[in-house]
């Protein structure tokens, strides 16, 4: 997903996923929402794309996709699936902190990745994302927050979580299409319940917004 120092963990995770079940799984409602708002032929950047279920679905709708992840296994599986479906995508393996953006995008996705970086790194990356979102374009961002403690194994991977509500603050001046704060619960193989506190928003860059303003 993120830092190259974490790739062993993510490689093991992605290697164990059943590809058919994964790619056949429906998109979440937040992606359905942004798809309904994107212009024809929109450009999309998917940061921390993993095996690229969102990237594949968006490419099949005719959008221009750039997908980036640090996991070699995830990128190999995404390339194989996009090839099988005959899709043209710009698929890159690398650390998102080192990604040099030279163009603007109609949609930038950073879903569940920023908290795996230290605060100083995700602050820079988020500002870079905002600067490269086209006027009228959207960001879809989801992060872990401090609302409740994370499961111990997940906490070991995390750099710095966001304060609850902080993500919304960082998009001051944008048009907020959707903002939600919630705790996702998952049952582990042992039967215990893991809780993941999250903030998620979809924000549209308006004509009056100036990057770097608070």
N, C-alpha and C. Protein backbone atom coordinates (compact mmCIF):
# COMPACT_ATOMS: atom_id res chain seq x y z
N UNK A 1 0.82 -1.21 0.00
CA UNK A 1 0.00 0.00 0.00
C UNK A 1 0.85 1.27 0.00
N UNK A 2 1.80 1.41 0.95
CA UNK A 2 2.50 2.67 1.05
C UNK A 2 3.99 2.46 1.07
N UNK A 3 4.60 2.68 2.22
CA UNK A 3 6.06 2.69 2.29
C UNK A 3 6.67 1.38 1.85
N UNK A 4 7.83 1.50 1.19
CA UNK A 4 8.49 0.30 0.70
C UNK A 4 8.91 -0.62 1.85
N UNK A 5 9.10 -0.04 3.06
CA UNK A 5 9.46 -0.86 4.22
C UNK A 5 8.32 -1.77 4.64
N UNK A 6 7.11 -1.55 4.15
CA UNK A 6 5.95 -2.36 4.52
C UNK A 6 5.59 -3.37 3.45
N UNK A 7 6.36 -3.45 2.38
CA UNK A 7 5.91 -4.24 1.23
C UNK A 7 5.80 -5.72 1.54
N UNK A 8 6.63 -6.26 2.42
CA UNK A 8 6.51 -7.68 2.75
C UNK A 8 5.13 -8.00 3.29
N UNK A 9 4.64 -7.15 4.18
CA UNK A 9 3.30 -7.37 4.75
C UNK A 9 2.25 -7.34 3.67
N UNK A 10 2.28 -6.31 2.81
CA UNK A 10 1.25 -6.17 1.80
C UNK A 10 1.38 -7.24 0.72
N UNK A 11 2.59 -7.63 0.38
CA UNK A 11 2.77 -8.69 -0.61
C UNK A 11 2.11 -9.99 -0.14
N UNK A 12 2.32 -10.33 1.12
CA UNK A 12 1.70 -11.54 1.67
C UNK A 12 0.18 -11.41 1.63
N UNK A 13 -0.33 -10.25 2.02
CA UNK A 13 -1.78 -10.04 2.02
C UNK A 13 -2.36 -10.20 0.62
N UNK A 14 -1.78 -9.52 -0.37
CA UNK A 14 -2.35 -9.54 -1.72
C UNK A 14 -2.16 -10.91 -2.38
N UNK A 15 -1.11 -11.61 -2.02
CA UNK A 15 -0.89 -12.94 -2.60
C UNK A 15 -1.99 -13.91 -2.17
N UNK A 16 -2.57 -13.69 -1.00
CA UNK A 16 -3.57 -14.62 -0.48
C UNK A 16 -5.00 -14.30 -0.90
N UNK A 17 -5.20 -13.26 -1.72
CA UNK A 17 -6.55 -12.86 -2.12
C UNK A 17 -6.99 -13.62 -3.36
N UNK A 18 -8.22 -14.10 -3.35
CA UNK A 18 -8.80 -14.76 -4.52
C UNK A 18 -9.16 -13.69 -5.54
N UNK A 19 -8.47 -13.69 -6.68
CA UNK A 19 -8.61 -12.61 -7.65
C UNK A 19 -10.02 -12.53 -8.22
N UNK A 20 -10.62 -13.66 -8.57
CA UNK A 20 -11.95 -13.62 -9.17
C UNK A 20 -12.96 -13.00 -8.22
N UNK A 21 -12.94 -13.46 -6.98
CA UNK A 21 -13.87 -12.91 -6.00
C UNK A 21 -13.60 -11.42 -5.78
N UNK A 22 -12.34 -11.05 -5.76
CA UNK A 22 -11.95 -9.67 -5.49
C UNK A 22 -12.45 -8.72 -6.58
N UNK A 23 -12.17 -9.07 -7.84
CA UNK A 23 -12.53 -8.17 -8.93
C UNK A 23 -14.03 -8.18 -9.25
N UNK A 24 -14.71 -9.24 -8.83
CA UNK A 24 -16.16 -9.29 -9.05
C UNK A 24 -16.95 -8.56 -7.95
N UNK A 25 -16.27 -8.19 -6.88
CA UNK A 25 -16.94 -7.53 -5.76
C UNK A 25 -17.42 -6.14 -6.20
N UNK A 26 -18.63 -5.75 -5.84
CA UNK A 26 -19.13 -4.43 -6.27
C UNK A 26 -18.37 -3.29 -5.60
N UNK A 27 -18.36 -2.14 -6.27
CA UNK A 27 -17.76 -0.95 -5.70
C UNK A 27 -18.58 -0.44 -4.52
N UNK A 28 -17.93 0.35 -3.66
CA UNK A 28 -18.65 0.96 -2.57
C UNK A 28 -19.50 2.13 -3.05
N UNK A 29 -20.46 2.57 -2.25
CA UNK A 29 -21.36 3.65 -2.67
C UNK A 29 -20.63 4.96 -2.93
N UNK A 30 -19.49 5.19 -2.25
CA UNK A 30 -18.77 6.43 -2.47
C UNK A 30 -18.18 6.50 -3.88
N UNK A 31 -17.73 5.35 -4.42
CA UNK A 31 -17.22 5.34 -5.79
C UNK A 31 -18.35 5.45 -6.80
N UNK A 32 -19.46 4.81 -6.51
CA UNK A 32 -20.63 4.97 -7.38
C UNK A 32 -21.03 6.44 -7.46
N UNK A 33 -20.92 7.15 -6.34
CA UNK A 33 -21.29 8.55 -6.31
C UNK A 33 -20.37 9.39 -7.18
N UNK A 34 -19.04 9.20 -7.05
CA UNK A 34 -18.13 10.03 -7.84
C UNK A 34 -18.21 9.68 -9.32
N UNK A 35 -18.46 8.42 -9.64
CA UNK A 35 -18.61 8.03 -11.05
C UNK A 35 -19.75 8.81 -11.69
N UNK A 36 -20.82 9.00 -10.94
CA UNK A 36 -21.96 9.74 -11.46
C UNK A 36 -21.68 11.22 -11.67
N UNK A 37 -20.58 11.71 -11.09
CA UNK A 37 -20.25 13.13 -11.19
C UNK A 37 -19.07 13.42 -12.13
N UNK A 38 -18.38 12.38 -12.57
CA UNK A 38 -17.20 12.58 -13.42
C UNK A 38 -17.59 12.89 -14.87
N UNK A 39 -16.82 13.76 -15.52
CA UNK A 39 -17.07 14.01 -16.94
C UNK A 39 -16.58 12.84 -17.79
N UNK A 40 -17.06 12.75 -18.99
CA UNK A 40 -16.63 11.70 -19.91
C UNK A 40 -15.13 11.81 -20.15
N UNK A 41 -14.44 10.66 -20.10
CA UNK A 41 -13.00 10.64 -20.35
C UNK A 41 -12.16 11.24 -19.25
N UNK A 42 -12.69 11.32 -18.05
CA UNK A 42 -11.99 11.96 -16.94
C UNK A 42 -10.67 11.26 -16.63
N UNK A 43 -9.72 12.03 -16.10
CA UNK A 43 -8.43 11.49 -15.67
C UNK A 43 -8.49 11.19 -14.18
N UNK A 44 -8.00 10.00 -13.79
CA UNK A 44 -8.11 9.52 -12.41
C UNK A 44 -6.75 9.05 -11.93
N UNK A 45 -6.37 9.47 -10.73
CA UNK A 45 -5.17 8.98 -10.06
C UNK A 45 -5.59 8.21 -8.83
N UNK A 46 -5.18 6.93 -8.76
CA UNK A 46 -5.52 6.06 -7.63
C UNK A 46 -4.23 5.77 -6.86
N UNK A 47 -4.07 6.41 -5.71
CA UNK A 47 -2.88 6.27 -4.88
C UNK A 47 -3.08 5.14 -3.87
N UNK A 48 -2.09 4.24 -3.79
CA UNK A 48 -2.26 3.08 -2.93
C UNK A 48 -3.36 2.20 -3.46
N UNK A 49 -3.31 1.91 -4.76
CA UNK A 49 -4.41 1.25 -5.46
C UNK A 49 -4.59 -0.20 -5.08
N UNK A 50 -3.58 -0.82 -4.43
CA UNK A 50 -3.67 -2.25 -4.16
C UNK A 50 -3.80 -3.04 -5.45
N UNK A 51 -4.66 -4.04 -5.46
CA UNK A 51 -4.88 -4.84 -6.67
C UNK A 51 -5.80 -4.15 -7.68
N UNK A 52 -6.30 -2.97 -7.32
CA UNK A 52 -6.93 -2.11 -8.30
C UNK A 52 -8.36 -2.42 -8.67
N UNK A 53 -9.19 -2.83 -7.72
CA UNK A 53 -10.59 -3.05 -8.07
C UNK A 53 -11.23 -1.76 -8.55
N UNK A 54 -10.97 -0.66 -7.86
CA UNK A 54 -11.52 0.63 -8.28
C UNK A 54 -10.94 1.05 -9.61
N UNK A 55 -9.64 0.89 -9.78
CA UNK A 55 -8.98 1.29 -11.02
C UNK A 55 -9.53 0.51 -12.21
N UNK A 56 -9.73 -0.78 -12.04
CA UNK A 56 -10.29 -1.61 -13.11
C UNK A 56 -11.70 -1.13 -13.47
N UNK A 57 -12.53 -0.94 -12.46
CA UNK A 57 -13.92 -0.53 -12.70
C UNK A 57 -13.97 0.83 -13.40
N UNK A 58 -13.12 1.74 -13.00
CA UNK A 58 -13.11 3.08 -13.61
C UNK A 58 -12.57 3.03 -15.03
N UNK A 59 -11.56 2.21 -15.26
CA UNK A 59 -11.01 2.07 -16.62
C UNK A 59 -12.05 1.48 -17.56
N UNK A 60 -12.86 0.56 -17.07
CA UNK A 60 -13.90 -0.05 -17.91
C UNK A 60 -14.98 0.96 -18.29
N UNK A 61 -15.06 2.06 -17.56
CA UNK A 61 -16.02 3.10 -17.90
C UNK A 61 -15.41 4.17 -18.81
N UNK A 62 -14.16 3.95 -19.25
CA UNK A 62 -13.55 4.84 -20.22
C UNK A 62 -12.72 5.96 -19.64
N UNK A 63 -12.47 5.95 -18.34
CA UNK A 63 -11.65 6.99 -17.73
C UNK A 63 -10.17 6.66 -17.90
N UNK A 64 -9.35 7.70 -17.93
CA UNK A 64 -7.90 7.51 -18.01
C UNK A 64 -7.34 7.29 -16.62
N UNK A 65 -6.74 6.13 -16.39
CA UNK A 65 -6.35 5.72 -15.04
C UNK A 65 -4.83 5.69 -14.88
N UNK A 66 -4.35 6.31 -13.80
CA UNK A 66 -2.99 6.12 -13.30
C UNK A 66 -3.12 5.49 -11.93
N UNK A 67 -2.54 4.30 -11.75
CA UNK A 67 -2.67 3.55 -10.50
C UNK A 67 -1.28 3.28 -9.93
N UNK A 68 -1.11 3.56 -8.63
CA UNK A 68 0.21 3.48 -8.00
C UNK A 68 0.12 2.69 -6.71
N UNK A 69 1.05 1.77 -6.50
CA UNK A 69 1.13 1.04 -5.25
C UNK A 69 2.57 0.56 -5.04
N UNK A 70 2.94 0.35 -3.78
CA UNK A 70 4.30 -0.09 -3.46
C UNK A 70 4.45 -1.60 -3.46
N UNK A 71 3.34 -2.35 -3.50
CA UNK A 71 3.40 -3.81 -3.45
C UNK A 71 3.61 -4.40 -4.84
N UNK A 72 4.70 -5.12 -5.01
CA UNK A 72 4.97 -5.76 -6.30
C UNK A 72 3.88 -6.77 -6.65
N UNK A 73 3.42 -7.52 -5.66
CA UNK A 73 2.38 -8.53 -5.90
C UNK A 73 1.10 -7.85 -6.37
N UNK A 74 0.70 -6.79 -5.70
CA UNK A 74 -0.53 -6.08 -6.08
C UNK A 74 -0.43 -5.54 -7.49
N UNK A 75 0.70 -4.94 -7.82
CA UNK A 75 0.88 -4.36 -9.15
C UNK A 75 0.90 -5.44 -10.22
N UNK A 76 1.57 -6.56 -9.96
CA UNK A 76 1.59 -7.66 -10.92
C UNK A 76 0.19 -8.20 -11.17
N UNK A 77 -0.60 -8.32 -10.11
CA UNK A 77 -1.96 -8.85 -10.27
C UNK A 77 -2.86 -7.85 -10.99
N UNK A 78 -2.67 -6.56 -10.72
CA UNK A 78 -3.43 -5.54 -11.43
C UNK A 78 -3.07 -5.53 -12.91
N UNK A 79 -1.79 -5.63 -13.23
CA UNK A 79 -1.38 -5.66 -14.64
C UNK A 79 -1.96 -6.88 -15.35
N UNK A 80 -1.95 -8.02 -14.66
CA UNK A 80 -2.49 -9.23 -15.27
C UNK A 80 -3.99 -9.09 -15.53
N UNK A 81 -4.72 -8.54 -14.57
CA UNK A 81 -6.17 -8.39 -14.73
C UNK A 81 -6.52 -7.35 -15.78
N UNK A 82 -5.80 -6.24 -15.81
CA UNK A 82 -6.07 -5.23 -16.83
C UNK A 82 -5.75 -5.76 -18.22
N UNK A 83 -4.70 -6.58 -18.32
CA UNK A 83 -4.38 -7.20 -19.60
C UNK A 83 -5.45 -8.19 -20.03
N UNK A 84 -5.93 -8.98 -19.08
CA UNK A 84 -6.97 -9.96 -19.38
C UNK A 84 -8.23 -9.28 -19.90
N UNK A 85 -8.51 -8.09 -19.38
CA UNK A 85 -9.72 -7.36 -19.78
C UNK A 85 -9.48 -6.42 -20.95
N UNK A 86 -8.23 -6.35 -21.42
CA UNK A 86 -7.91 -5.49 -22.55
C UNK A 86 -7.97 -4.01 -22.23
N UNK A 87 -7.62 -3.64 -21.01
CA UNK A 87 -7.69 -2.25 -20.59
C UNK A 87 -6.32 -1.58 -20.70
N UNK A 88 -6.32 -0.32 -21.08
CA UNK A 88 -5.10 0.48 -21.14
C UNK A 88 -5.05 1.35 -19.88
N UNK A 89 -4.02 1.13 -19.04
CA UNK A 89 -3.87 1.88 -17.80
C UNK A 89 -2.40 2.18 -17.58
N UNK A 90 -2.14 3.28 -16.91
CA UNK A 90 -0.78 3.61 -16.48
C UNK A 90 -0.61 3.05 -15.07
N UNK A 91 0.07 1.91 -14.95
CA UNK A 91 0.21 1.21 -13.68
C UNK A 91 1.66 1.32 -13.23
N UNK A 92 1.86 1.87 -12.04
CA UNK A 92 3.20 2.15 -11.55
C UNK A 92 3.43 1.52 -10.18
N UNK A 93 4.60 0.93 -9.99
CA UNK A 93 4.99 0.45 -8.67
C UNK A 93 5.94 1.48 -8.05
N UNK A 94 5.66 1.89 -6.84
CA UNK A 94 6.53 2.84 -6.17
C UNK A 94 5.91 3.42 -4.92
N UNK A 95 6.73 4.10 -4.16
CA UNK A 95 6.30 4.76 -2.93
C UNK A 95 5.60 6.06 -3.29
N UNK A 96 4.38 6.24 -2.83
CA UNK A 96 3.61 7.44 -3.20
C UNK A 96 4.28 8.72 -2.73
N UNK A 97 5.14 8.63 -1.71
CA UNK A 97 5.83 9.82 -1.23
C UNK A 97 6.84 10.33 -2.25
N UNK A 98 7.28 9.46 -3.14
CA UNK A 98 8.28 9.84 -4.14
C UNK A 98 7.67 10.12 -5.50
N UNK A 99 6.35 10.06 -5.58
CA UNK A 99 5.66 10.28 -6.85
C UNK A 99 5.70 11.75 -7.22
N UNK A 100 6.18 12.04 -8.43
CA UNK A 100 6.22 13.42 -8.92
C UNK A 100 5.04 13.62 -9.87
N UNK A 101 4.11 14.46 -9.45
CA UNK A 101 2.93 14.74 -10.26
C UNK A 101 3.21 15.93 -11.17
N UNK A 102 2.92 15.76 -12.44
CA UNK A 102 3.20 16.83 -13.40
C UNK A 102 1.94 17.30 -14.11
N UNK A 103 0.80 16.73 -13.76
CA UNK A 103 -0.45 17.10 -14.41
C UNK A 103 -1.58 17.09 -13.40
N UNK A 104 -2.72 17.63 -13.81
CA UNK A 104 -3.88 17.64 -12.95
C UNK A 104 -4.81 16.49 -13.26
N UNK A 105 -5.67 16.16 -12.29
CA UNK A 105 -6.59 15.04 -12.43
C UNK A 105 -8.02 15.47 -12.07
N UNK A 106 -8.98 14.84 -12.72
CA UNK A 106 -10.38 15.07 -12.40
C UNK A 106 -10.79 14.39 -11.11
N UNK A 107 -10.10 13.31 -10.77
CA UNK A 107 -10.38 12.59 -9.53
C UNK A 107 -9.08 12.01 -9.00
N UNK A 108 -8.81 12.24 -7.72
CA UNK A 108 -7.69 11.59 -7.04
C UNK A 108 -8.24 10.80 -5.86
N UNK A 109 -7.89 9.53 -5.82
CA UNK A 109 -8.33 8.62 -4.76
C UNK A 109 -7.15 8.34 -3.84
N UNK A 110 -7.35 8.53 -2.54
CA UNK A 110 -6.37 8.12 -1.52
C UNK A 110 -7.18 7.48 -0.40
N UNK A 111 -7.58 6.25 -0.64
CA UNK A 111 -8.54 5.58 0.25
C UNK A 111 -7.82 4.60 1.16
N UNK A 112 -7.72 4.97 2.45
CA UNK A 112 -7.14 4.06 3.43
C UNK A 112 -5.64 3.93 3.35
N UNK A 113 -4.93 4.98 2.91
CA UNK A 113 -3.48 4.86 2.76
C UNK A 113 -2.68 5.88 3.57
N UNK A 114 -3.21 7.08 3.75
CA UNK A 114 -2.39 8.16 4.30
C UNK A 114 -1.90 7.86 5.71
N UNK A 115 -2.70 7.19 6.53
CA UNK A 115 -2.30 6.95 7.91
C UNK A 115 -1.12 6.00 8.04
N UNK A 116 -0.72 5.34 6.98
CA UNK A 116 0.45 4.48 7.05
C UNK A 116 1.76 5.26 6.91
N UNK A 117 1.64 6.57 6.72
CA UNK A 117 2.78 7.47 6.66
C UNK A 117 2.90 8.26 7.96
N UNK A 118 4.09 8.75 8.30
CA UNK A 118 4.19 9.71 9.39
C UNK A 118 3.48 11.00 9.02
N UNK A 119 3.06 11.75 10.03
CA UNK A 119 2.28 12.96 9.79
C UNK A 119 2.95 13.91 8.80
N UNK A 120 4.23 14.15 8.95
CA UNK A 120 4.91 15.09 8.06
C UNK A 120 4.80 14.66 6.61
N UNK A 121 4.85 13.34 6.36
CA UNK A 121 4.78 12.82 5.00
C UNK A 121 3.36 12.92 4.45
N UNK A 122 2.35 12.55 5.26
CA UNK A 122 0.99 12.61 4.70
C UNK A 122 0.50 14.04 4.55
N UNK A 123 1.01 14.95 5.36
CA UNK A 123 0.65 16.35 5.16
C UNK A 123 1.16 16.85 3.81
N UNK A 124 2.42 16.52 3.47
CA UNK A 124 2.98 16.93 2.18
C UNK A 124 2.24 16.27 1.03
N UNK A 125 1.96 14.98 1.18
CA UNK A 125 1.29 14.25 0.11
C UNK A 125 -0.12 14.79 -0.12
N UNK A 126 -0.84 15.06 0.95
CA UNK A 126 -2.20 15.55 0.80
C UNK A 126 -2.21 16.92 0.13
N UNK A 127 -1.27 17.78 0.48
CA UNK A 127 -1.18 19.08 -0.18
C UNK A 127 -0.87 18.90 -1.66
N UNK A 128 0.02 17.95 -1.97
CA UNK A 128 0.35 17.66 -3.37
C UNK A 128 -0.88 17.17 -4.14
N UNK A 129 -1.66 16.33 -3.49
CA UNK A 129 -2.91 15.84 -4.08
C UNK A 129 -3.84 17.01 -4.38
N UNK A 130 -4.02 17.88 -3.41
CA UNK A 130 -4.92 19.01 -3.59
C UNK A 130 -4.45 19.93 -4.71
N UNK A 131 -3.16 20.15 -4.80
CA UNK A 131 -2.61 21.04 -5.83
C UNK A 131 -2.79 20.46 -7.23
N UNK A 132 -2.88 19.14 -7.33
CA UNK A 132 -2.98 18.50 -8.65
C UNK A 132 -4.39 17.99 -8.94
N UNK A 133 -5.36 18.46 -8.16
CA UNK A 133 -6.76 18.23 -8.48
C UNK A 133 -7.24 19.40 -9.33
N UNK A 134 -7.77 19.11 -10.50
CA UNK A 134 -8.23 20.17 -11.39
C UNK A 134 -9.39 20.94 -10.77
N UNK A 135 -9.53 22.20 -11.13
CA UNK A 135 -10.70 22.96 -10.72
C UNK A 135 -11.95 22.23 -11.22
N UNK A 136 -12.88 21.99 -10.32
CA UNK A 136 -14.05 21.20 -10.63
C UNK A 136 -13.84 19.72 -10.43
N UNK A 137 -12.59 19.32 -10.15
CA UNK A 137 -12.28 17.92 -9.89
C UNK A 137 -12.52 17.55 -8.44
N UNK A 138 -12.39 16.27 -8.13
CA UNK A 138 -12.72 15.76 -6.81
C UNK A 138 -11.60 14.93 -6.20
N UNK A 139 -11.55 14.93 -4.88
CA UNK A 139 -10.71 14.01 -4.12
C UNK A 139 -11.62 13.10 -3.31
N UNK A 140 -11.28 11.82 -3.31
CA UNK A 140 -11.95 10.83 -2.47
C UNK A 140 -10.89 10.31 -1.51
N UNK A 141 -11.03 10.64 -0.23
CA UNK A 141 -10.00 10.33 0.76
C UNK A 141 -10.65 9.66 1.97
N UNK A 142 -10.03 8.59 2.44
CA UNK A 142 -10.48 7.93 3.67
C UNK A 142 -9.25 7.63 4.52
N UNK A 143 -9.37 7.89 5.83
CA UNK A 143 -8.23 7.74 6.74
C UNK A 143 -8.68 7.13 8.06
N UNK A 144 -7.73 6.51 8.77
CA UNK A 144 -7.97 6.09 10.14
C UNK A 144 -7.88 7.32 11.06
N UNK A 145 -8.71 7.32 12.10
CA UNK A 145 -8.70 8.42 13.06
C UNK A 145 -8.43 7.89 14.48
N UNK A 146 -8.42 8.83 15.42
CA UNK A 146 -8.14 8.49 16.81
C UNK A 146 -9.41 8.26 17.63
N UNK A 147 -10.54 8.07 16.96
CA UNK A 147 -11.82 7.96 17.68
C UNK A 147 -11.82 6.79 18.66
N UNK A 148 -11.32 5.63 18.23
CA UNK A 148 -11.14 4.48 19.12
C UNK A 148 -9.79 3.86 18.77
N UNK A 149 -9.19 3.10 19.70
CA UNK A 149 -7.90 2.48 19.40
C UNK A 149 -8.02 1.45 18.26
N UNK A 150 -7.00 1.42 17.43
CA UNK A 150 -6.94 0.45 16.35
C UNK A 150 -6.56 -0.93 16.89
N UNK A 151 -6.89 -2.01 16.16
CA UNK A 151 -6.39 -3.33 16.54
C UNK A 151 -4.86 -3.31 16.60
N UNK A 152 -4.29 -4.08 17.51
CA UNK A 152 -2.85 -4.01 17.77
C UNK A 152 -2.02 -4.30 16.53
N UNK A 153 -2.42 -5.30 15.71
CA UNK A 153 -1.61 -5.63 14.55
C UNK A 153 -1.64 -4.52 13.51
N UNK A 154 -2.78 -3.84 13.39
CA UNK A 154 -2.87 -2.71 12.45
C UNK A 154 -2.08 -1.52 12.96
N UNK A 155 -2.15 -1.28 14.27
CA UNK A 155 -1.45 -0.14 14.86
C UNK A 155 0.05 -0.22 14.61
N UNK A 156 0.59 -1.42 14.51
CA UNK A 156 2.02 -1.59 14.26
C UNK A 156 2.43 -1.07 12.88
N UNK A 157 1.49 -1.05 11.95
CA UNK A 157 1.79 -0.61 10.59
C UNK A 157 1.58 0.88 10.39
N UNK A 158 0.80 1.48 11.28
CA UNK A 158 0.36 2.85 11.09
C UNK A 158 1.47 3.83 11.45
N UNK A 159 1.58 4.90 10.65
CA UNK A 159 2.50 5.98 10.97
C UNK A 159 1.84 6.93 11.96
N UNK A 160 0.89 7.73 11.48
CA UNK A 160 0.15 8.65 12.34
C UNK A 160 -1.29 8.73 11.87
N UNK A 161 -2.22 8.45 12.76
CA UNK A 161 -3.64 8.58 12.43
C UNK A 161 -4.03 10.06 12.45
N UNK A 162 -5.16 10.35 11.86
CA UNK A 162 -5.73 11.69 11.87
C UNK A 162 -6.58 11.89 13.12
N UNK A 163 -6.66 13.12 13.58
CA UNK A 163 -7.67 13.43 14.59
C UNK A 163 -9.05 13.29 13.94
N UNK A 164 -10.02 12.84 14.71
CA UNK A 164 -11.37 12.77 14.15
C UNK A 164 -11.80 14.18 13.73
N UNK A 165 -12.23 14.32 12.49
CA UNK A 165 -12.64 15.62 11.96
C UNK A 165 -11.52 16.40 11.30
N UNK A 166 -10.28 15.95 11.46
CA UNK A 166 -9.15 16.70 10.90
C UNK A 166 -9.15 16.70 9.38
N UNK A 167 -9.55 15.60 8.78
CA UNK A 167 -9.57 15.53 7.33
C UNK A 167 -10.48 16.60 6.75
N UNK A 168 -11.64 16.77 7.34
CA UNK A 168 -12.56 17.81 6.88
C UNK A 168 -11.92 19.20 7.01
N UNK A 169 -11.22 19.43 8.10
CA UNK A 169 -10.55 20.72 8.31
C UNK A 169 -9.53 20.99 7.20
N UNK A 170 -8.85 19.95 6.77
CA UNK A 170 -7.81 20.11 5.75
C UNK A 170 -8.40 20.39 4.37
N UNK A 171 -9.69 20.22 4.22
CA UNK A 171 -10.37 20.54 2.97
C UNK A 171 -11.23 21.79 3.10
N UNK A 172 -10.87 22.65 4.03
CA UNK A 172 -11.56 23.93 4.15
C UNK A 172 -11.46 24.70 2.83
N UNK A 173 -12.57 25.24 2.38
CA UNK A 173 -12.60 25.98 1.12
C UNK A 173 -13.03 25.16 -0.07
N UNK A 174 -13.08 23.84 0.09
CA UNK A 174 -13.57 22.95 -0.96
C UNK A 174 -15.08 22.76 -0.79
N UNK A 175 -15.73 22.34 -1.85
CA UNK A 175 -17.15 21.97 -1.77
C UNK A 175 -17.23 20.52 -1.30
N UNK A 176 -17.80 20.30 -0.15
CA UNK A 176 -17.86 18.96 0.43
C UNK A 176 -19.11 18.25 -0.09
N UNK A 177 -18.90 17.20 -0.84
CA UNK A 177 -19.99 16.42 -1.41
C UNK A 177 -20.50 15.40 -0.40
N UNK A 178 -19.58 14.77 0.30
CA UNK A 178 -19.96 13.81 1.34
C UNK A 178 -18.87 13.80 2.41
N UNK A 179 -19.27 13.77 3.66
CA UNK A 179 -18.34 13.65 4.78
C UNK A 179 -18.95 12.74 5.82
N UNK A 180 -18.18 11.75 6.25
CA UNK A 180 -18.71 10.81 7.25
C UNK A 180 -17.61 10.35 8.18
N UNK A 181 -17.99 10.14 9.43
CA UNK A 181 -17.11 9.61 10.45
C UNK A 181 -17.79 8.37 11.04
N UNK A 182 -17.07 7.26 11.06
CA UNK A 182 -17.70 6.02 11.49
C UNK A 182 -16.65 5.05 12.00
N UNK A 183 -17.10 3.96 12.61
CA UNK A 183 -16.22 2.89 13.06
C UNK A 183 -16.61 1.62 12.31
N UNK A 184 -15.70 1.13 11.49
CA UNK A 184 -15.92 -0.09 10.74
C UNK A 184 -15.56 -1.28 11.62
N UNK A 185 -16.44 -2.26 11.67
CA UNK A 185 -16.18 -3.44 12.50
C UNK A 185 -16.03 -4.67 11.61
N UNK A 186 -15.02 -5.46 11.90
CA UNK A 186 -14.77 -6.71 11.17
C UNK A 186 -14.52 -7.83 12.18
N UNK A 187 -15.06 -9.00 11.89
CA UNK A 187 -14.84 -10.16 12.75
C UNK A 187 -13.61 -10.91 12.26
N UNK A 188 -12.62 -11.11 13.12
CA UNK A 188 -11.39 -11.80 12.77
C UNK A 188 -11.63 -13.30 12.72
N UNK A 189 -10.69 -14.07 12.11
CA UNK A 189 -10.84 -15.53 12.09
C UNK A 189 -10.99 -16.15 13.47
N UNK A 190 -10.44 -15.48 14.50
CA UNK A 190 -10.55 -16.02 15.86
C UNK A 190 -11.89 -15.71 16.50
N UNK A 191 -12.69 -14.86 15.84
CA UNK A 191 -14.00 -14.51 16.37
C UNK A 191 -14.04 -13.18 17.09
N UNK A 192 -12.90 -12.55 17.30
CA UNK A 192 -12.88 -11.25 17.95
C UNK A 192 -13.30 -10.16 16.96
N UNK A 193 -13.80 -9.07 17.49
CA UNK A 193 -14.27 -7.96 16.65
C UNK A 193 -13.19 -6.87 16.62
N UNK A 194 -12.72 -6.56 15.43
CA UNK A 194 -11.75 -5.49 15.24
C UNK A 194 -12.48 -4.22 14.82
N UNK A 195 -12.08 -3.10 15.39
CA UNK A 195 -12.75 -1.82 15.13
C UNK A 195 -11.76 -0.86 14.47
N UNK A 196 -12.21 -0.24 13.37
CA UNK A 196 -11.37 0.66 12.60
C UNK A 196 -12.07 2.02 12.49
N UNK A 197 -11.64 3.02 13.27
CA UNK A 197 -12.26 4.34 13.20
C UNK A 197 -11.82 5.07 11.94
N UNK A 198 -12.78 5.61 11.19
CA UNK A 198 -12.45 6.21 9.90
C UNK A 198 -13.20 7.52 9.69
N UNK A 199 -12.55 8.43 8.99
CA UNK A 199 -13.19 9.58 8.38
C UNK A 199 -13.05 9.44 6.88
N UNK A 200 -14.12 9.75 6.15
CA UNK A 200 -14.08 9.64 4.69
C UNK A 200 -14.83 10.83 4.10
N UNK A 201 -14.23 11.42 3.08
CA UNK A 201 -14.93 12.52 2.42
C UNK A 201 -14.71 12.50 0.92
N UNK A 202 -15.65 13.12 0.24
CA UNK A 202 -15.54 13.43 -1.18
C UNK A 202 -15.64 14.94 -1.26
N UNK A 203 -14.60 15.57 -1.80
CA UNK A 203 -14.55 17.02 -1.86
C UNK A 203 -14.26 17.47 -3.28
N UNK A 204 -14.91 18.55 -3.68
CA UNK A 204 -14.75 19.11 -5.03
C UNK A 204 -14.01 20.44 -4.94
N UNK A 205 -13.01 20.59 -5.80
CA UNK A 205 -12.23 21.82 -5.80
C UNK A 205 -12.96 22.90 -6.58
N UNK A 206 -13.31 23.97 -5.88
CA UNK A 206 -14.01 25.07 -6.51
C UNK A 206 -13.06 26.09 -7.12
N UNK A 207 -13.60 27.04 -7.84
CA UNK A 207 -12.79 28.05 -8.53
C UNK A 207 -12.09 28.99 -7.57
N UNK A 208 -12.67 29.19 -6.37
CA UNK A 208 -12.11 30.18 -5.45
C UNK A 208 -11.07 29.59 -4.50
N UNK A 209 -10.94 28.26 -4.46
CA UNK A 209 -10.00 27.64 -3.51
C UNK A 209 -8.56 27.88 -3.94
N UNK A 210 -7.71 28.27 -2.99
CA UNK A 210 -6.28 28.41 -3.24
C UNK A 210 -5.55 27.39 -2.39
N UNK A 211 -4.75 26.50 -3.00
CA UNK A 211 -4.04 25.48 -2.24
C UNK A 211 -3.10 26.13 -1.24
N UNK A 212 -3.04 25.50 -0.08
CA UNK A 212 -2.18 26.00 0.97
C UNK A 212 -2.90 26.93 1.94
N UNK A 213 -4.10 27.38 1.59
CA UNK A 213 -4.87 28.24 2.49
C UNK A 213 -5.45 27.42 3.65
N UNK A 214 -5.56 28.02 4.77
CA UNK A 214 -6.22 27.40 5.92
C UNK A 214 -7.36 28.28 6.37
